[in-house]
Structure formats: structure tokens, C-alpha cells
Amino acid sequence: AVHFLEANEPHICLYRDTTEIILTRTNG
């Protein structure tokens, strides 16, 4: 996991091999 929590649109990027998943907040 690489955290980008201070970005304008906070998110976390998940990496494994050549796959990337981006997690975004649901804001409730």
C-alpha cells in the first residue's frame, strides 16, 4: 500500500505484480 491521504482526493494505491487497485473514501 502507498498512502496518498493528504492529496486533494485522498486515496491509497495497492500494488502487487502488475496489478494496481485504488481505494477511495465513500464519505459515509
PDB file of all heavy atoms in Angstrom:
ATOM      1  N   ALA A   1       0.830  -1.202   0.000  1.00  0.00           N
ATOM      2  CA  ALA A   1       0.000   0.000   0.000  1.00  0.00           C
ATOM      3  C   ALA A   1       0.867   1.256   0.000  1.00  0.00           C
ATOM      4  O   ALA A   1       1.862   1.337   0.720  1.00  0.00           O
ATOM      5  CB  ALA A   1      -0.916   0.016   1.220  1.00  0.00           C
ATOM      6  N   VAL A   2       0.481   2.228  -0.826  1.00  0.00           N
ATOM      7  CA  VAL A   2       1.105   3.545  -0.841  1.00  0.00           C
ATOM      8  C   VAL A   2      -0.016   4.543  -0.564  1.00  0.00           C
ATOM      9  O   VAL A   2      -0.991   4.616  -1.308  1.00  0.00           O
ATOM     10  CB  VAL A   2       1.796   3.845  -2.188  1.00  0.00           C
ATOM     11  CG1 VAL A   2       2.398   5.236  -2.167  1.00  0.00           C
ATOM     12  CG2 VAL A   2       2.859   2.794  -2.492  1.00  0.00           C
ATOM     13  N   HIS A   3       0.138   5.289   0.541  1.00  0.00           N
ATOM     14  CA  HIS A   3      -0.917   6.189   1.010  1.00  0.00           C
ATOM     15  C   HIS A   3      -0.761   7.591   0.426  1.00  0.00           C
ATOM     16  O   HIS A   3       0.328   8.151   0.444  1.00  0.00           O
ATOM     17  CB  HIS A   3      -0.872   6.273   2.542  1.00  0.00           C
ATOM     18  CG  HIS A   3      -1.154   4.965   3.213  1.00  0.00           C
ATOM     19  ND1 HIS A   3      -2.199   4.797   4.070  1.00  0.00           N
ATOM     20  CD2 HIS A   3      -0.536   3.760   3.145  1.00  0.00           C
ATOM     21  CE1 HIS A   3      -2.228   3.551   4.512  1.00  0.00           C
ATOM     22  NE2 HIS A   3      -1.207   2.902   3.959  1.00  0.00           N
ATOM     23  N   PHE A   4      -1.856   8.117  -0.070  1.00  0.00           N
ATOM     24  CA  PHE A   4      -1.932   9.496  -0.559  1.00  0.00           C
ATOM     25  C   PHE A   4      -3.077  10.185   0.176  1.00  0.00           C
ATOM     26  O   PHE A   4      -4.022  10.700  -0.424  1.00  0.00           O
ATOM     27  CB  PHE A   4      -2.160   9.517  -2.075  1.00  0.00           C
ATOM     28  CG  PHE A   4      -1.039   8.891  -2.857  1.00  0.00           C
ATOM     29  CD1 PHE A   4      -1.114   7.569  -3.272  1.00  0.00           C
ATOM     30  CD2 PHE A   4       0.110   9.612  -3.145  1.00  0.00           C
ATOM     31  CE1 PHE A   4      -0.084   6.976  -3.982  1.00  0.00           C
ATOM     32  CE2 PHE A   4       1.155   9.027  -3.859  1.00  0.00           C
ATOM     33  CZ  PHE A   4       1.057   7.709  -4.277  1.00  0.00           C
ATOM     34  N   LEU A   5      -3.004  10.186   1.509  1.00  0.00           N
ATOM     35  CA  LEU A   5      -4.107  10.670   2.333  1.00  0.00           C
ATOM     36  C   LEU A   5      -4.163  12.190   2.418  1.00  0.00           C
ATOM     37  O   LEU A   5      -5.197  12.747   2.795  1.00  0.00           O
ATOM     38  CB  LEU A   5      -4.017  10.051   3.734  1.00  0.00           C
ATOM     39  CG  LEU A   5      -4.035   8.519   3.749  1.00  0.00           C
ATOM     40  CD1 LEU A   5      -3.867   7.997   5.167  1.00  0.00           C
ATOM     41  CD2 LEU A   5      -5.318   7.994   3.118  1.00  0.00           C
ATOM     42  N   GLU A   6      -3.080  12.863   2.067  1.00  0.00           N
ATOM     43  CA  GLU A   6      -3.055  14.331   2.112  1.00  0.00           C
ATOM     44  C   GLU A   6      -3.373  14.952   0.759  1.00  0.00           C
ATOM     45  O   GLU A   6      -3.363  16.171   0.616  1.00  0.00           O
ATOM     46  CB  GLU A   6      -1.695  14.818   2.618  1.00  0.00           C
ATOM     47  CG  GLU A   6      -1.322  14.304   4.000  1.00  0.00           C
ATOM     48  CD  GLU A   6      -2.332  14.681   5.069  1.00  0.00           C
ATOM     49  OE1 GLU A   6      -2.863  15.809   5.034  1.00  0.00           O
ATOM     50  OE2 GLU A   6      -2.613  13.830   5.938  1.00  0.00           O
ATOM     51  N   ALA A   7      -3.655  14.142  -0.241  1.00  0.00           N
ATOM     52  CA  ALA A   7      -3.977  14.650  -1.584  1.00  0.00           C
ATOM     53  C   ALA A   7      -5.353  15.316  -1.574  1.00  0.00           C
ATOM     54  O   ALA A   7      -6.141  15.134  -0.649  1.00  0.00           O
ATOM     55  CB  ALA A   7      -3.973  13.497  -2.586  1.00  0.00           C
ATOM     56  N   ASN A   8      -5.634  16.099  -2.608  1.00  0.00           N
ATOM     57  CA  ASN A   8      -6.955  16.735  -2.726  1.00  0.00           C
ATOM     58  C   ASN A   8      -8.067  15.695  -2.718  1.00  0.00           C
ATOM     59  O   ASN A   8      -9.164  15.959  -2.218  1.00  0.00           O
ATOM     60  CB  ASN A   8      -7.038  17.574  -4.000  1.00  0.00           C
ATOM     61  CG  ASN A   8      -6.235  18.843  -3.913  1.00  0.00           C
ATOM     62  OD1 ASN A   8      -5.936  19.329  -2.827  1.00  0.00           O
ATOM     63  ND2 ASN A   8      -5.864  19.388  -5.055  1.00  0.00           N
ATOM     64  N   GLU A   9      -7.806  14.548  -3.305  1.00  0.00           N
ATOM     65  CA  GLU A   9      -8.739  13.420  -3.283  1.00  0.00           C
ATOM     66  C   GLU A   9      -8.017  12.261  -2.599  1.00  0.00           C
ATOM     67  O   GLU A   9      -7.337  11.465  -3.250  1.00  0.00           O
ATOM     68  CB  GLU A   9      -9.169  13.043  -4.700  1.00  0.00           C
ATOM     69  CG  GLU A   9      -9.925  14.156  -5.399  1.00  0.00           C
ATOM     70  CD  GLU A   9     -10.314  13.809  -6.831  1.00  0.00           C
ATOM     71  OE1 GLU A   9      -9.985  12.697  -7.310  1.00  0.00           O
ATOM     72  OE2 GLU A   9     -10.948  14.663  -7.461  1.00  0.00           O
ATOM     73  N   PRO A  10      -8.122  12.162  -1.266  1.00  0.00           N
ATOM     74  CA  PRO A  10      -7.378  11.147  -0.530  1.00  0.00           C
ATOM     75  C   PRO A  10      -7.659   9.746  -1.063  1.00  0.00           C
ATOM     76  O   PRO A  10      -8.806   9.389  -1.351  1.00  0.00           O
ATOM     77  CB  PRO A  10      -7.901  11.289   0.908  1.00  0.00           C
ATOM     78  CG  PRO A  10      -8.454  12.675   0.975  1.00  0.00           C
ATOM     79  CD  PRO A  10      -8.983  12.967  -0.392  1.00  0.00           C
ATOM     80  N   HIS A  11      -6.579   8.963  -1.194  1.00  0.00           N
ATOM     81  CA  HIS A  11      -6.713   7.607  -1.698  1.00  0.00           C
ATOM     82  C   HIS A  11      -5.481   6.795  -1.305  1.00  0.00           C
ATOM     83  O   HIS A  11      -4.494   7.348  -0.822  1.00  0.00           O
ATOM     84  CB  HIS A  11      -6.893   7.596  -3.220  1.00  0.00           C
ATOM     85  CG  HIS A  11      -5.731   8.152  -3.973  1.00  0.00           C
ATOM     86  ND1 HIS A  11      -5.441   9.502  -4.033  1.00  0.00           N
ATOM     87  CD2 HIS A  11      -4.769   7.531  -4.697  1.00  0.00           C
ATOM     88  CE1 HIS A  11      -4.363   9.690  -4.772  1.00  0.00           C
ATOM     89  NE2 HIS A  11      -3.923   8.507  -5.184  1.00  0.00           N
ATOM     90  N   ILE A  12      -5.595   5.490  -1.478  1.00  0.00           N
ATOM     91  CA  ILE A  12      -4.475   4.577  -1.258  1.00  0.00           C
ATOM     92  C   ILE A  12      -4.339   3.718  -2.511  1.00  0.00           C
ATOM     93  O   ILE A  12      -5.334   3.186  -3.011  1.00  0.00           O
ATOM     94  CB  ILE A  12      -4.695   3.685  -0.023  1.00  0.00           C
ATOM     95  CG1 ILE A  12      -4.769   4.542   1.245  1.00  0.00           C
ATOM     96  CG2 ILE A  12      -3.582   2.632   0.093  1.00  0.00           C
ATOM     97  CD1 ILE A  12      -5.102   3.762   2.512  1.00  0.00           C
ATOM     98  N   CYS A  13      -3.119   3.590  -3.004  1.00  0.00           N
ATOM     99  CA  CYS A  13      -2.846   2.714  -4.141  1.00  0.00           C
ATOM    100  C   CYS A  13      -2.275   1.402  -3.605  1.00  0.00           C
ATOM    101  O   CYS A  13      -1.397   1.407  -2.741  1.00  0.00           O
ATOM    102  CB  CYS A  13      -1.842   3.354  -5.096  1.00  0.00           C
ATOM    103  SG  CYS A  13      -2.503   4.805  -5.932  1.00  0.00           S
ATOM    104  N   LEU A  14      -2.809   0.313  -4.106  1.00  0.00           N
ATOM    105  CA  LEU A  14      -2.356  -1.026  -3.734  1.00  0.00           C
ATOM    106  C   LEU A  14      -1.664  -1.651  -4.935  1.00  0.00           C
ATOM    107  O   LEU A  14      -2.216  -1.630  -6.038  1.00  0.00           O
ATOM    108  CB  LEU A  14      -3.546  -1.894  -3.318  1.00  0.00           C
ATOM    109  CG  LEU A  14      -4.384  -1.359  -2.164  1.00  0.00           C
ATOM    110  CD1 LEU A  14      -5.671  -2.151  -2.045  1.00  0.00           C
ATOM    111  CD2 LEU A  14      -3.594  -1.419  -0.871  1.00  0.00           C
ATOM    112  N   TYR A  15      -0.471  -2.209  -4.716  1.00  0.00           N
ATOM    113  CA  TYR A  15       0.310  -2.774  -5.805  1.00  0.00           C
ATOM    114  C   TYR A  15       0.689  -4.221  -5.507  1.00  0.00           C
ATOM    115  O   TYR A  15       1.084  -4.544  -4.383  1.00  0.00           O
ATOM    116  CB  TYR A  15       1.605  -1.987  -6.017  1.00  0.00           C
ATOM    117  CG  TYR A  15       1.393  -0.544  -6.353  1.00  0.00           C
ATOM    118  CD1 TYR A  15       1.502   0.440  -5.380  1.00  0.00           C
ATOM    119  CD2 TYR A  15       1.067  -0.156  -7.649  1.00  0.00           C
ATOM    120  CE1 TYR A  15       1.299   1.779  -5.691  1.00  0.00           C
ATOM    121  CE2 TYR A  15       0.872   1.175  -7.968  1.00  0.00           C
ATOM    122  CZ  TYR A  15       0.984   2.140  -6.983  1.00  0.00           C
ATOM    123  OH  TYR A  15       0.784   3.463  -7.293  1.00  0.00           O
ATOM    124  N   ARG A  16       0.557  -5.049  -6.516  1.00  0.00           N
ATOM    125  CA  ARG A  16       1.080  -6.416  -6.469  1.00  0.00           C
ATOM    126  C   ARG A  16       1.327  -6.843  -7.910  1.00  0.00           C
ATOM    127  O   ARG A  16       0.416  -6.801  -8.738  1.00  0.00           O
ATOM    128  CB  ARG A  16       0.100  -7.372  -5.805  1.00  0.00           C
ATOM    129  CG  ARG A  16       0.636  -8.786  -5.821  1.00  0.00           C
ATOM    130  CD  ARG A  16      -0.213  -9.751  -5.095  1.00  0.00           C
ATOM    131  NE  ARG A  16       0.277 -11.091  -5.414  1.00  0.00           N
ATOM    132  CZ  ARG A  16      -0.048 -12.160  -4.757  1.00  0.00           C
ATOM    133  NH1 ARG A  16      -0.863 -12.082  -3.736  1.00  0.00           N
ATOM    134  NH2 ARG A  16       0.431 -13.317  -5.116  1.00  0.00           N
ATOM    135  N   ASP A  17       2.551  -7.273  -8.184  1.00  0.00           N
ATOM    136  CA  ASP A  17       2.938  -7.664  -9.535  1.00  0.00           C
ATOM    137  C   ASP A  17       2.610  -6.506 -10.484  1.00  0.00           C
ATOM    138  O   ASP A  17       3.079  -5.406 -10.265  1.00  0.00           O
ATOM    139  CB  ASP A  17       2.276  -8.982  -9.943  1.00  0.00           C
ATOM    140  CG  ASP A  17       2.578 -10.129  -8.969  1.00  0.00           C
ATOM    141  OD1 ASP A  17       3.714 -10.158  -8.457  1.00  0.00           O
ATOM    142  OD2 ASP A  17       1.691 -10.947  -8.704  1.00  0.00           O
ATOM    143  N   THR A  18       1.809  -6.718 -11.502  1.00  0.00           N
ATOM    144  CA  THR A  18       1.458  -5.642 -12.438  1.00  0.00           C
ATOM    145  C   THR A  18       0.033  -5.128 -12.199  1.00  0.00           C
ATOM    146  O   THR A  18      -0.546  -4.479 -13.055  1.00  0.00           O
ATOM    147  CB  THR A  18       1.580  -6.114 -13.897  1.00  0.00           C
ATOM    148  OG1 THR A  18       0.697  -7.216 -14.101  1.00  0.00           O
ATOM    149  CG2 THR A  18       3.010  -6.526 -14.225  1.00  0.00           C
ATOM    150  N   THR A  19      -0.507  -5.409 -11.016  1.00  0.00           N
ATOM    151  CA  THR A  19      -1.873  -5.007 -10.685  1.00  0.00           C
ATOM    152  C   THR A  19      -1.850  -3.811  -9.745  1.00  0.00           C
ATOM    153  O   THR A  19      -1.054  -3.761  -8.814  1.00  0.00           O
ATOM    154  CB  THR A  19      -2.621  -6.184 -10.018  1.00  0.00           C
ATOM    155  OG1 THR A  19      -2.682  -7.255 -10.945  1.00  0.00           O
ATOM    156  CG2 THR A  19      -4.015  -5.797  -9.590  1.00  0.00           C
ATOM    157  N   GLU A  20      -2.724  -2.848  -9.998  1.00  0.00           N
ATOM    158  CA  GLU A  20      -2.909  -1.701  -9.113  1.00  0.00           C
ATOM    159  C   GLU A  20      -4.392  -1.561  -8.810  1.00  0.00           C
ATOM    160  O   GLU A  20      -5.232  -1.645  -9.704  1.00  0.00           O
ATOM    161  CB  GLU A  20      -2.394  -0.418  -9.751  1.00  0.00           C
ATOM    162  CG  GLU A  20      -2.598   0.800  -8.864  1.00  0.00           C
ATOM    163  CD  GLU A  20      -2.080   2.098  -9.476  1.00  0.00           C
ATOM    164  OE1 GLU A  20      -1.520   2.061 -10.593  1.00  0.00           O
ATOM    165  OE2 GLU A  20      -2.250   3.147  -8.844  1.00  0.00           O
ATOM    166  N   ILE A  21      -4.690  -1.354  -7.540  1.00  0.00           N
ATOM    167  CA  ILE A  21      -6.050  -1.063  -7.087  1.00  0.00           C
ATOM    168  C   ILE A  21      -5.997   0.279  -6.380  1.00  0.00           C
ATOM    169  O   ILE A  21      -5.074   0.541  -5.612  1.00  0.00           O
ATOM    170  CB  ILE A  21      -6.563  -2.135  -6.110  1.00  0.00           C
ATOM    171  CG1 ILE A  21      -6.607  -3.498  -6.781  1.00  0.00           C
ATOM    172  CG2 ILE A  21      -7.931  -1.749  -5.551  1.00  0.00           C
ATOM    173  CD1 ILE A  21      -6.865  -4.639  -5.826  1.00  0.00           C
ATOM    174  N   ILE A  22      -6.970   1.120  -6.628  1.00  0.00           N
ATOM    175  CA  ILE A  22      -7.037   2.424  -5.985  1.00  0.00           C
ATOM    176  C   ILE A  22      -8.235   2.412  -5.036  1.00  0.00           C
ATOM    177  O   ILE A  22      -9.360   2.140  -5.459  1.00  0.00           O
ATOM    178  CB  ILE A  22      -7.173   3.547  -7.023  1.00  0.00           C
ATOM    179  CG1 ILE A  22      -5.978   3.513  -7.978  1.00  0.00           C
ATOM    180  CG2 ILE A  22      -7.278   4.912  -6.329  1.00  0.00           C
ATOM    181  CD1 ILE A  22      -6.148   4.362  -9.218  1.00  0.00           C
ATOM    182  N   LEU A  23      -7.971   2.680  -3.761  1.00  0.00           N
ATOM    183  CA  LEU A  23      -9.037   2.768  -2.766  1.00  0.00           C
ATOM    184  C   LEU A  23      -9.396   4.232  -2.548  1.00  0.00           C
ATOM    185  O   LEU A  23      -8.506   5.060  -2.330  1.00  0.00           O
ATOM    186  CB  LEU A  23      -8.585   2.163  -1.432  1.00  0.00           C
ATOM    187  CG  LEU A  23      -8.166   0.699  -1.447  1.00  0.00           C
ATOM    188  CD1 LEU A  23      -7.656   0.292  -0.061  1.00  0.00           C
ATOM    189  CD2 LEU A  23      -9.327  -0.184  -1.874  1.00  0.00           C
ATOM    190  N   THR A  24     -10.672   4.544  -2.615  1.00  0.00           N
ATOM    191  CA  THR A  24     -11.153   5.898  -2.348  1.00  0.00           C
ATOM    192  C   THR A  24     -12.152   5.853  -1.204  1.00  0.00           C
ATOM    193  O   THR A  24     -12.792   4.827  -0.956  1.00  0.00           O
ATOM    194  CB  THR A  24     -11.830   6.517  -3.588  1.00  0.00           C
ATOM    195  OG1 THR A  24     -12.951   5.711  -3.958  1.00  0.00           O
ATOM    196  CG2 THR A  24     -10.862   6.617  -4.750  1.00  0.00           C
ATOM    197  N   ARG A  25     -12.318   6.962  -0.534  1.00  0.00           N
ATOM    198  CA  ARG A  25     -13.253   7.050   0.590  1.00  0.00           C
ATOM    199  C   ARG A  25     -14.690   7.177   0.094  1.00  0.00           C
ATOM    200  O   ARG A  25     -14.964   7.836  -0.906  1.00  0.00           O
ATOM    201  CB  ARG A  25     -12.920   8.258   1.454  1.00  0.00           C
ATOM    202  CG  ARG A  25     -11.592   8.131   2.149  1.00  0.00           C
ATOM    203  CD  ARG A  25     -11.327   9.345   2.994  1.00  0.00           C
ATOM    204  NE  ARG A  25     -10.094   9.168   3.742  1.00  0.00           N
ATOM    205  CZ  ARG A  25      -9.391  10.155   4.249  1.00  0.00           C
ATOM    206  NH1 ARG A  25      -9.794  11.400   4.070  1.00  0.00           N
ATOM    207  NH2 ARG A  25      -8.295   9.905   4.923  1.00  0.00           N
ATOM    208  N   THR A  26     -15.605   6.569   0.839  1.00  0.00           N
ATOM    209  CA  THR A  26     -17.029   6.656   0.489  1.00  0.00           C
ATOM    210  C   THR A  26     -17.693   7.891   1.092  1.00  0.00           C
ATOM    211  O   THR A  26     -18.840   8.177   0.767  1.00  0.00           O
ATOM    212  CB  THR A  26     -17.795   5.426   1.003  1.00  0.00           C
ATOM    213  OG1 THR A  26     -17.705   5.391   2.429  1.00  0.00           O
ATOM    214  CG2 THR A  26     -17.279   4.150   0.391  1.00  0.00           C
ATOM    215  N   ASN A  27     -16.999   8.579   1.979  1.00  0.00           N
ATOM    216  CA  ASN A  27     -17.577   9.734   2.675  1.00  0.00           C
ATOM    217  C   ASN A  27     -18.893   9.389   3.358  1.00  0.00           C
ATOM    218  O   ASN A  27     -19.848  10.156   3.333  1.00  0.00           O
ATOM    219  CB  ASN A  27     -17.752  10.925   1.729  1.00  0.00           C
ATOM    220  CG  ASN A  27     -16.425  11.429   1.217  1.00  0.00           C
ATOM    221  OD1 ASN A  27     -15.426  11.407   1.918  1.00  0.00           O
ATOM    222  ND2 ASN A  27     -16.391  11.871  -0.028  1.00  0.00           N
ATOM    223  N   GLY A  28     -18.937   8.199   3.960  1.00  0.00           N
ATOM    224  CA  GLY A  28     -20.100   7.782   4.725  1.00  0.00           C
ATOM    225  C   GLY A  28     -21.207   7.130   3.923  1.00  0.00           C
ATOM    226  O   GLY A  28     -22.178   6.650   4.489  1.00  0.00           O
TER     227      GLY A  28
END
